Amino acid sequence: VRYRPSAPNIVVGRDPSIVFRDGSLVVVWKPAGLLSVPAAGRVRDKSVVGVVGQILGQALFAVHRLDELTSGLMTMARTPQVQEAMRTMFAAHEIERRYLAIVRGVFPTKATTIRSVMVRDRGDGLRGKASEDSDPHDATAKQAVTHLTLQEQLGSQLALVEAHLETGRTHQVRIHLAEMGHPVLGDALYGGQGAGRAMPRYALHAYVLGFRHPVTSAPLRFESPLADDLEKFLRAKRAR
């Protein structure tokens, strides 16, 4: 352990923390409320890529993203070559990604797989399942597959669900859960105002990230417990 008085101060639960690093990549725990990468028009807002790059003293290269209001594990490359290799692995579905979500309603006890063709505009300006009226030549149409398993049912109003991504489309977990009638708490965009008011952020946490090292091929797998705010919320519900 090395103590550096000049190192940036880190507040647990608010700032990103490094879970793993080597000369090729970095795995980071991202708190909710922090951008994954810099966003246009938000030059003053911090991002995981920027903060961790500052800690390590080098520019980092984004491989994938988590929504701003989602917590959990994400990885970044330390070289453009590793970035390209990791993106190829993501595109080939060679990355294990599992989320925990707190959703509304009584969730099916039997494991469920949702397969859909997802488009950028499903007809109401939002991403989602292509309809019968969708343009068959829509270039944004992509296959989306999510495997869902009930972890815990909390009465008749809430459930804790694991979402195992086979593909990684934008907002995939939130969309699939909302379309099956079990929106993620805090998600007003796809779940409506009722779900949106239930939590100050998405009740969604990326808790498993696994892959083979892009340089050494060594198997890597990381797990992150449910974020403190979500765990506190669940404990309060269980205590009732």
C-alpha atoms as a PDB file:
ATOM      1  CA  VAL A   1       0.000   0.000   0.000  1.00  0.00           C
ATOM      2  CA  ARG A   2       1.293   3.420  -0.953  1.00  0.00           C
ATOM      3  CA  TYR A   3       0.041   6.635   0.643  1.00  0.00           C
ATOM      4  CA  ARG A   4       0.094   9.720  -1.596  1.00  0.00           C
ATOM      5  CA  PRO A   5      -1.098  12.915   0.161  1.00  0.00           C
ATOM      6  CA  SER A   6      -1.390  14.673  -3.208  1.00  0.00           C
ATOM      7  CA  ALA A   7      -3.702  12.013  -4.715  1.00  0.00           C
ATOM      8  CA  PRO A   8      -7.289  13.088  -5.526  1.00  0.00           C
ATOM      9  CA  ASN A   9      -9.710  12.594  -2.645  1.00  0.00           C
ATOM     10  CA  ILE A  10     -12.318   9.866  -3.229  1.00  0.00           C
ATOM     11  CA  VAL A  11     -15.694   9.778  -1.521  1.00  0.00           C
ATOM     12  CA  VAL A  12     -17.061   6.221  -1.232  1.00  0.00           C
ATOM     13  CA  GLY A  13     -20.375   5.845  -3.062  1.00  0.00           C
ATOM     14  CA  ARG A  14     -19.973   9.112  -4.930  1.00  0.00           C
ATOM     15  CA  ASP A  15     -16.751   8.691  -6.887  1.00  0.00           C
ATOM     16  CA  PRO A  16     -15.607   5.876  -9.180  1.00  0.00           C
ATOM     17  CA  SER A  17     -13.166   3.345  -7.768  1.00  0.00           C
ATOM     18  CA  ILE A  18     -10.667   1.149  -9.585  1.00  0.00           C
ATOM     19  CA  VAL A  19     -11.408  -2.562  -9.200  1.00  0.00           C
ATOM     20  CA  PHE A  20      -8.650  -3.868 -11.476  1.00  0.00           C
ATOM     21  CA  ARG A  21      -5.938  -2.432 -13.668  1.00  0.00           C
ATOM     22  CA  ASP A  22      -2.928  -3.546 -15.655  1.00  0.00           C
ATOM     23  CA  GLY A  23      -1.042  -2.171 -18.624  1.00  0.00           C
ATOM     24  CA  SER A  24      -3.919  -2.895 -21.009  1.00  0.00           C
ATOM     25  CA  LEU A  25      -7.203  -2.055 -19.313  1.00  0.00           C
ATOM     26  CA  VAL A  26      -9.000  -0.773 -16.237  1.00  0.00           C
ATOM     27  CA  VAL A  27     -12.163  -2.098 -14.576  1.00  0.00           C
ATOM     28  CA  VAL A  28     -14.031   0.511 -12.566  1.00  0.00           C
ATOM     29  CA  TRP A  29     -17.012   0.698 -10.221  1.00  0.00           C
ATOM     30  CA  LYS A  30     -19.190   3.584 -11.440  1.00  0.00           C
ATOM     31  CA  PRO A  31     -21.576   5.356  -9.067  1.00  0.00           C
ATOM     32  CA  ALA A  32     -25.016   6.444 -10.236  1.00  0.00           C
ATOM     33  CA  GLY A  33     -25.172  10.074 -11.305  1.00  0.00           C
ATOM     34  CA  LEU A  34     -21.819  10.124 -13.087  1.00  0.00           C
ATOM     35  CA  LEU A  35     -21.429  10.111 -16.866  1.00  0.00           C
ATOM     36  CA  SER A  36     -19.512   7.215 -18.386  1.00  0.00           C
ATOM     37  CA  VAL A  37     -17.918   9.415 -21.042  1.00  0.00           C
ATOM     38  CA  PRO A  38     -17.959  13.177 -21.704  1.00  0.00           C
ATOM     39  CA  ALA A  39     -21.261  14.355 -23.180  1.00  0.00           C
ATOM     40  CA  ALA A  40     -21.867  17.118 -25.706  1.00  0.00           C
ATOM     41  CA  GLY A  41     -23.036  20.315 -24.047  1.00  0.00           C
ATOM     42  CA  ARG A  42     -21.974  19.148 -20.577  1.00  0.00           C
ATOM     43  CA  VAL A  43     -18.341  20.181 -20.506  1.00  0.00           C
ATOM     44  CA  ARG A  44     -18.421  20.908 -16.768  1.00  0.00           C
ATOM     45  CA  ASP A  45     -19.819  17.503 -15.790  1.00  0.00           C
ATOM     46  CA  LYS A  46     -17.322  14.840 -14.787  1.00  0.00           C
ATOM     47  CA  SER A  47     -17.167  11.427 -16.425  1.00  0.00           C
ATOM     48  CA  VAL A  48     -15.706   8.091 -15.383  1.00  0.00           C
ATOM     49  CA  VAL A  49     -13.255   8.158 -18.275  1.00  0.00           C
ATOM     50  CA  GLY A  50     -12.067  11.616 -17.260  1.00  0.00           C
ATOM     51  CA  VAL A  51     -11.870  11.054 -13.501  1.00  0.00           C
ATOM     52  CA  VAL A  52     -10.095   7.702 -13.710  1.00  0.00           C
ATOM     53  CA  GLY A  53      -7.805   9.033 -16.434  1.00  0.00           C
ATOM     54  CA  GLN A  54      -6.833  11.842 -14.082  1.00  0.00           C
ATOM     55  CA  ILE A  55      -6.118   9.377 -11.276  1.00  0.00           C
ATOM     56  CA  LEU A  56      -3.925   7.247 -13.549  1.00  0.00           C
ATOM     57  CA  GLY A  57      -2.348  10.216 -15.286  1.00  0.00           C
ATOM     58  CA  GLN A  58      -3.221   9.141 -18.825  1.00  0.00           C
ATOM     59  CA  ALA A  59      -5.993   9.282 -21.413  1.00  0.00           C
ATOM     60  CA  LEU A  60      -8.332   6.301 -21.358  1.00  0.00           C
ATOM     61  CA  PHE A  61     -10.433   4.868 -24.185  1.00  0.00           C
ATOM     62  CA  ALA A  62     -14.102   3.977 -23.741  1.00  0.00           C
ATOM     63  CA  VAL A  63     -15.139   0.409 -24.548  1.00  0.00           C
ATOM     64  CA  HIS A  64     -18.790   0.477 -23.447  1.00  0.00           C
ATOM     65  CA  ARG A  65     -21.044   2.680 -21.340  1.00  0.00           C
ATOM     66  CA  LEU A  66     -23.440   2.584 -18.444  1.00  0.00           C
ATOM     67  CA  ASP A  67     -26.359   4.995 -18.266  1.00  0.00           C
ATOM     68  CA  GLU A  68     -25.637   8.036 -16.130  1.00  0.00           C
ATOM     69  CA  LEU A  69     -28.228   6.925 -13.542  1.00  0.00           C
ATOM     70  CA  THR A  70     -26.964   3.319 -13.423  1.00  0.00           C
ATOM     71  CA  SER A  71     -24.257   2.066 -11.061  1.00  0.00           C
ATOM     72  CA  GLY A  72     -21.835  -0.818 -11.375  1.00  0.00           C
ATOM     73  CA  LEU A  73     -18.901  -2.264 -13.280  1.00  0.00           C
ATOM     74  CA  MET A  74     -17.501  -0.971 -16.538  1.00  0.00           C
ATOM     75  CA  THR A  75     -14.161  -1.297 -18.296  1.00  0.00           C
ATOM     76  CA  MET A  76     -11.911   1.054 -20.242  1.00  0.00           C
ATOM     77  CA  ALA A  77      -8.859   0.462 -22.403  1.00  0.00           C
ATOM     78  CA  ARG A  78      -5.456   2.054 -21.880  1.00  0.00           C
ATOM     79  CA  THR A  79      -4.499   1.872 -25.575  1.00  0.00           C
ATOM     80  CA  PRO A  80      -6.424   2.247 -28.846  1.00  0.00           C
ATOM     81  CA  GLN A  81      -5.413  -1.300 -29.794  1.00  0.00           C
ATOM     82  CA  VAL A  82      -6.993  -2.787 -26.660  1.00  0.00           C
ATOM     83  CA  GLN A  83     -10.052  -0.592 -27.161  1.00  0.00           C
ATOM     84  CA  GLU A  84     -10.568  -2.066 -30.626  1.00  0.00           C
ATOM     85  CA  ALA A  85     -10.007  -5.623 -29.356  1.00  0.00           C
ATOM     86  CA  MET A  86     -12.536  -5.143 -26.528  1.00  0.00           C
ATOM     87  CA  ARG A  87     -15.123  -3.623 -28.855  1.00  0.00           C
ATOM     88  CA  THR A  88     -14.746  -6.639 -31.129  1.00  0.00           C
ATOM     89  CA  MET A  89     -15.396  -8.909 -28.141  1.00  0.00           C
ATOM     90  CA  PHE A  90     -18.506  -6.946 -27.209  1.00  0.00           C
ATOM     91  CA  ALA A  91     -19.775  -7.123 -30.790  1.00  0.00           C
ATOM     92  CA  ALA A  92     -19.197 -10.889 -30.819  1.00  0.00           C
ATOM     93  CA  HIS A  93     -21.123 -11.269 -27.517  1.00  0.00           C
ATOM     94  CA  GLU A  94     -18.029 -12.625 -25.757  1.00  0.00           C
ATOM     95  CA  ILE A  95     -18.481 -10.443 -22.669  1.00  0.00           C
ATOM     96  CA  GLU A  96     -20.498 -11.635 -19.665  1.00  0.00           C
ATOM     97  CA  ARG A  97     -22.688  -8.797 -18.402  1.00  0.00           C
ATOM     98  CA  ARG A  98     -25.226  -9.227 -15.621  1.00  0.00           C
ATOM     99  CA  TYR A  99     -27.389  -6.582 -13.990  1.00  0.00           C
ATOM    100  CA  LEU A 100     -29.577  -6.474 -10.917  1.00  0.00           C
ATOM    101  CA  ALA A 101     -32.789  -4.483 -11.276  1.00  0.00           C
ATOM    102  CA  ILE A 102     -35.568  -3.590  -8.862  1.00  0.00           C
ATOM    103  CA  VAL A 103     -38.780  -3.642 -10.860  1.00  0.00           C
ATOM    104  CA  ARG A 104     -42.498  -3.167 -10.337  1.00  0.00           C
ATOM    105  CA  GLY A 105     -45.029  -5.959  -9.992  1.00  0.00           C
ATOM    106  CA  VAL A 106     -45.049  -9.720  -9.473  1.00  0.00           C
ATOM    107  CA  PHE A 107     -42.311 -11.138 -11.688  1.00  0.00           C
ATOM    108  CA  PRO A 108     -42.566 -14.615 -13.291  1.00  0.00           C
ATOM    109  CA  THR A 109     -40.878 -17.297 -11.209  1.00  0.00           C
ATOM    110  CA  LYS A 110     -39.751 -19.142 -14.337  1.00  0.00           C
ATOM    111  CA  ALA A 111     -36.657 -17.819 -16.094  1.00  0.00           C
ATOM    112  CA  THR A 112     -37.617 -15.709 -19.100  1.00  0.00           C
ATOM    113  CA  THR A 113     -35.738 -14.824 -22.288  1.00  0.00           C
ATOM    114  CA  ILE A 114     -36.802 -11.800 -24.296  1.00  0.00           C
ATOM    115  CA  ARG A 115     -35.797 -11.611 -27.943  1.00  0.00           C
ATOM    116  CA  SER A 116     -36.773  -8.616 -30.016  1.00  0.00           C
ATOM    117  CA  VAL A 117     -35.675  -6.502 -32.936  1.00  0.00           C
ATOM    118  CA  MET A 118     -34.915  -3.136 -31.386  1.00  0.00           C
ATOM    119  CA  VAL A 119     -35.085   0.125 -33.348  1.00  0.00           C
ATOM    120  CA  ARG A 120     -34.109   3.686 -32.485  1.00  0.00           C
ATOM    121  CA  ASP A 121     -37.684   4.931 -32.909  1.00  0.00           C
ATOM    122  CA  ARG A 122     -40.496   2.472 -32.242  1.00  0.00           C
ATOM    123  CA  GLY A 123     -43.057   5.048 -33.324  1.00  0.00           C
ATOM    124  CA  ASP A 124     -43.219   7.341 -30.290  1.00  0.00           C
ATOM    125  CA  GLY A 125     -39.691   8.742 -30.467  1.00  0.00           C
ATOM    126  CA  LEU A 126     -38.268   6.145 -28.070  1.00  0.00           C
ATOM    127  CA  ARG A 127     -36.069   3.121 -28.631  1.00  0.00           C
ATOM    128  CA  GLY A 128     -37.837  -0.194 -28.435  1.00  0.00           C
ATOM    129  CA  LYS A 129     -39.338  -3.189 -30.159  1.00  0.00           C
ATOM    130  CA  ALA A 130     -39.998  -2.815 -33.860  1.00  0.00           C
ATOM    131  CA  SER A 131     -43.707  -2.839 -34.688  1.00  0.00           C
ATOM    132  CA  GLU A 132     -45.510  -4.333 -37.661  1.00  0.00           C
ATOM    133  CA  ASP A 133     -45.550  -0.857 -39.188  1.00  0.00           C
ATOM    134  CA  SER A 134     -41.787  -0.373 -38.803  1.00  0.00           C
ATOM    135  CA  ASP A 135     -39.668   0.170 -41.873  1.00  0.00           C
ATOM    136  CA  PRO A 136     -38.261  -3.267 -42.823  1.00  0.00           C
ATOM    137  CA  HIS A 137     -35.150  -1.505 -44.123  1.00  0.00           C
ATOM    138  CA  ASP A 138     -34.531   0.482 -40.916  1.00  0.00           C
ATOM    139  CA  ALA A 139     -30.740   0.537 -40.534  1.00  0.00           C
ATOM    140  CA  THR A 140     -31.057   0.958 -36.754  1.00  0.00           C
ATOM    141  CA  ALA A 141     -32.876  -2.380 -36.316  1.00  0.00           C
ATOM    142  CA  LYS A 142     -30.771  -4.812 -34.246  1.00  0.00           C
ATOM    143  CA  GLN A 143     -31.433  -8.083 -32.477  1.00  0.00           C
ATOM    144  CA  ALA A 144     -31.659  -7.724 -28.683  1.00  0.00           C
ATOM    145  CA  VAL A 145     -31.645 -10.687 -26.269  1.00  0.00           C
ATOM    146  CA  THR A 146     -31.974 -10.528 -22.483  1.00  0.00           C
ATOM    147  CA  HIS A 147     -32.231 -13.474 -20.076  1.00  0.00           C
ATOM    148  CA  LEU A 148     -34.231 -12.580 -16.951  1.00  0.00           C
ATOM    149  CA  THR A 149     -34.354 -14.463 -13.653  1.00  0.00           C
ATOM    150  CA  LEU A 150     -36.284 -13.603 -10.505  1.00  0.00           C
ATOM    151  CA  GLN A 151     -33.978 -13.219  -7.508  1.00  0.00           C
ATOM    152  CA  GLU A 152     -36.467 -12.097  -4.872  1.00  0.00           C
ATOM    153  CA  GLN A 153     -40.131 -11.137  -4.801  1.00  0.00           C
ATOM    154  CA  LEU A 154     -40.963  -8.407  -2.291  1.00  0.00           C
ATOM    155  CA  GLY A 155     -44.712  -8.559  -1.743  1.00  0.00           C
ATOM    156  CA  SER A 156     -46.970  -7.775  -4.667  1.00  0.00           C
ATOM    157  CA  GLN A 157     -45.335  -4.505  -5.679  1.00  0.00           C
ATOM    158  CA  LEU A 158     -41.608  -5.065  -6.187  1.00  0.00           C
ATOM    159  CA  ALA A 159     -39.147  -7.700  -7.368  1.00  0.00           C
ATOM    160  CA  LEU A 160     -35.376  -8.030  -7.595  1.00  0.00           C
ATOM    161  CA  VAL A 161     -34.442  -9.432 -11.010  1.00  0.00           C
ATOM    162  CA  GLU A 162     -31.196 -10.502 -12.659  1.00  0.00           C
ATOM    163  CA  ALA A 163     -30.773  -9.498 -16.293  1.00  0.00           C
ATOM    164  CA  HIS A 164     -28.114 -11.418 -18.234  1.00  0.00           C
ATOM    165  CA  LEU A 165     -27.307  -9.659 -21.492  1.00  0.00           C
ATOM    166  CA  GLU A 166     -26.663 -11.761 -24.563  1.00  0.00           C
ATOM    167  CA  THR A 167     -26.517  -8.558 -26.632  1.00  0.00           C
ATOM    168  CA  GLY A 168     -25.794  -5.026 -25.454  1.00  0.00           C
ATOM    169  CA  ARG A 169     -28.137  -2.557 -27.124  1.00  0.00           C
ATOM    170  CA  THR A 170     -28.678   0.947 -25.789  1.00  0.00           C
ATOM    171  CA  HIS A 171     -31.154   0.876 -22.844  1.00  0.00           C
ATOM    172  CA  GLN A 172     -31.745  -2.834 -23.532  1.00  0.00           C
ATOM    173  CA  VAL A 173     -32.486  -3.949 -19.956  1.00  0.00           C
ATOM    174  CA  ARG A 174     -34.757  -1.003 -19.230  1.00  0.00           C
ATOM    175  CA  ILE A 175     -36.665  -1.432 -22.490  1.00  0.00           C
ATOM    176  CA  HIS A 176     -37.169  -5.183 -22.212  1.00  0.00           C
ATOM    177  CA  LEU A 177     -38.354  -4.994 -18.607  1.00  0.00           C
ATOM    178  CA  ALA A 178     -40.717  -2.110 -19.368  1.00  0.00           C
ATOM    179  CA  GLU A 179     -42.127  -3.861 -22.443  1.00  0.00           C
ATOM    180  CA  MET A 180     -42.944  -6.962 -20.400  1.00  0.00           C
ATOM    181  CA  GLY A 181     -44.788  -4.820 -17.851  1.00  0.00           C
ATOM    182  CA  HIS A 182     -42.120  -4.678 -15.140  1.00  0.00           C
ATOM    183  CA  PRO A 183     -40.374  -1.296 -15.484  1.00  0.00           C
ATOM    184  CA  VAL A 184     -37.211  -0.514 -13.552  1.00  0.00           C
ATOM    185  CA  LEU A 185     -37.876   1.777 -10.610  1.00  0.00           C
ATOM    186  CA  GLY A 186     -36.708   5.309 -11.349  1.00  0.00           C
ATOM    187  CA  ASP A 187     -37.143   4.915 -15.101  1.00  0.00           C
ATOM    188  CA  ALA A 188     -39.736   7.494 -16.136  1.00  0.00           C
ATOM    189  CA  LEU A 189     -38.669   7.353 -19.800  1.00  0.00           C
ATOM    190  CA  TYR A 190     -39.777   3.768 -20.456  1.00  0.00           C
ATOM    191  CA  GLY A 191     -41.718   2.997 -17.281  1.00  0.00           C
ATOM    192  CA  GLY A 192     -43.884   6.088 -16.913  1.00  0.00           C
ATOM    193  CA  GLN A 193     -44.199   8.595 -14.094  1.00  0.00           C
ATOM    194  CA  GLY A 194     -45.249   5.978 -11.542  1.00  0.00           C
ATOM    195  CA  ALA A 195     -41.993   4.069 -11.925  1.00  0.00           C
ATOM    196  CA  GLY A 196     -40.052   7.311 -12.263  1.00  0.00           C
ATOM    197  CA  ARG A 197     -41.191   8.653  -8.905  1.00  0.00           C
ATOM    198  CA  ALA A 198     -40.332   5.423  -7.079  1.00  0.00           C
ATOM    199  CA  MET A 199     -36.555   6.069  -7.023  1.00  0.00           C
ATOM    200  CA  PRO A 200     -34.324   9.122  -7.535  1.00  0.00           C
ATOM    201  CA  ARG A 201     -32.236   7.107 -10.033  1.00  0.00           C
ATOM    202  CA  TYR A 202     -32.541   3.896 -12.030  1.00  0.00           C
ATOM    203  CA  ALA A 203     -32.720   0.885  -9.700  1.00  0.00           C
ATOM    204  CA  LEU A 204     -30.253  -0.836 -12.011  1.00  0.00           C
ATOM    205  CA  HIS A 205     -26.782  -2.102 -11.113  1.00  0.00           C
ATOM    206  CA  ALA A 206     -24.171  -3.780 -13.345  1.00  0.00           C
ATOM    207  CA  TYR A 207     -22.940  -6.401 -10.896  1.00  0.00           C
ATOM    208  CA  VAL A 208     -21.011  -8.900 -13.065  1.00  0.00           C
ATOM    209  CA  LEU A 209     -18.477  -8.241 -15.804  1.00  0.00           C
ATOM    210  CA  GLY A 210     -16.511 -11.146 -17.253  1.00  0.00           C
ATOM    211  CA  PHE A 211     -14.276 -11.615 -20.291  1.00  0.00           C
ATOM    212  CA  ARG A 212     -10.973 -12.980 -21.508  1.00  0.00           C
ATOM    213  CA  HIS A 213      -8.097 -10.560 -21.299  1.00  0.00           C
ATOM    214  CA  PRO A 214      -7.644  -9.064 -24.803  1.00  0.00           C
ATOM    215  CA  VAL A 215      -3.855  -9.480 -24.638  1.00  0.00           C
ATOM    216  CA  THR A 216      -3.149 -12.513 -22.426  1.00  0.00           C
ATOM    217  CA  SER A 217      -6.470 -14.393 -22.916  1.00  0.00           C
ATOM    218  CA  ALA A 218      -6.577 -14.989 -19.152  1.00  0.00           C
ATOM    219  CA  PRO A 219     -10.179 -15.297 -17.856  1.00  0.00           C
ATOM    220  CA  LEU A 220     -11.300 -12.290 -15.820  1.00  0.00           C
ATOM    221  CA  ARG A 221     -14.561 -12.014 -13.896  1.00  0.00           C
ATOM    222  CA  PHE A 222     -15.593  -9.266 -11.509  1.00  0.00           C
ATOM    223  CA  GLU A 223     -18.586  -8.959  -9.191  1.00  0.00           C
ATOM    224  CA  SER A 224     -19.870  -5.863  -7.440  1.00  0.00           C
ATOM    225  CA  PRO A 225     -22.426  -6.030  -4.612  1.00  0.00           C
ATOM    226  CA  LEU A 226     -25.628  -4.064  -5.062  1.00  0.00           C
ATOM    227  CA  ALA A 227     -24.955  -0.334  -4.620  1.00  0.00           C
ATOM    228  CA  ASP A 228     -25.546   0.969  -1.079  1.00  0.00           C
ATOM    229  CA  ASP A 229     -28.610   3.051  -1.918  1.00  0.00           C
ATOM    230  CA  LEU A 230     -30.347   0.124  -3.618  1.00  0.00           C
ATOM    231  CA  GLU A 231     -29.413  -2.287  -0.830  1.00  0.00           C
ATOM    232  CA  LYS A 232     -30.752   0.163   1.759  1.00  0.00           C
ATOM    233  CA  PHE A 233     -33.993   0.476  -0.222  1.00  0.00           C
ATOM    234  CA  LEU A 234     -34.431  -3.320  -0.352  1.00  0.00           C
ATOM    235  CA  ARG A 235     -33.703  -3.759   3.353  1.00  0.00           C
ATOM    236  CA  ALA A 236     -36.343  -1.160   4.197  1.00  0.00           C
ATOM    237  CA  LYS A 237     -38.888  -3.020   2.067  1.00  0.00           C
ATOM    238  CA  ARG A 238     -38.008  -6.384   3.639  1.00  0.00           C
ATOM    239  CA  ALA A 239     -38.408  -4.950   7.125  1.00  0.00           C
ATOM    240  CA  ARG A 240     -42.055  -4.025   6.543  1.00  0.00           C
END
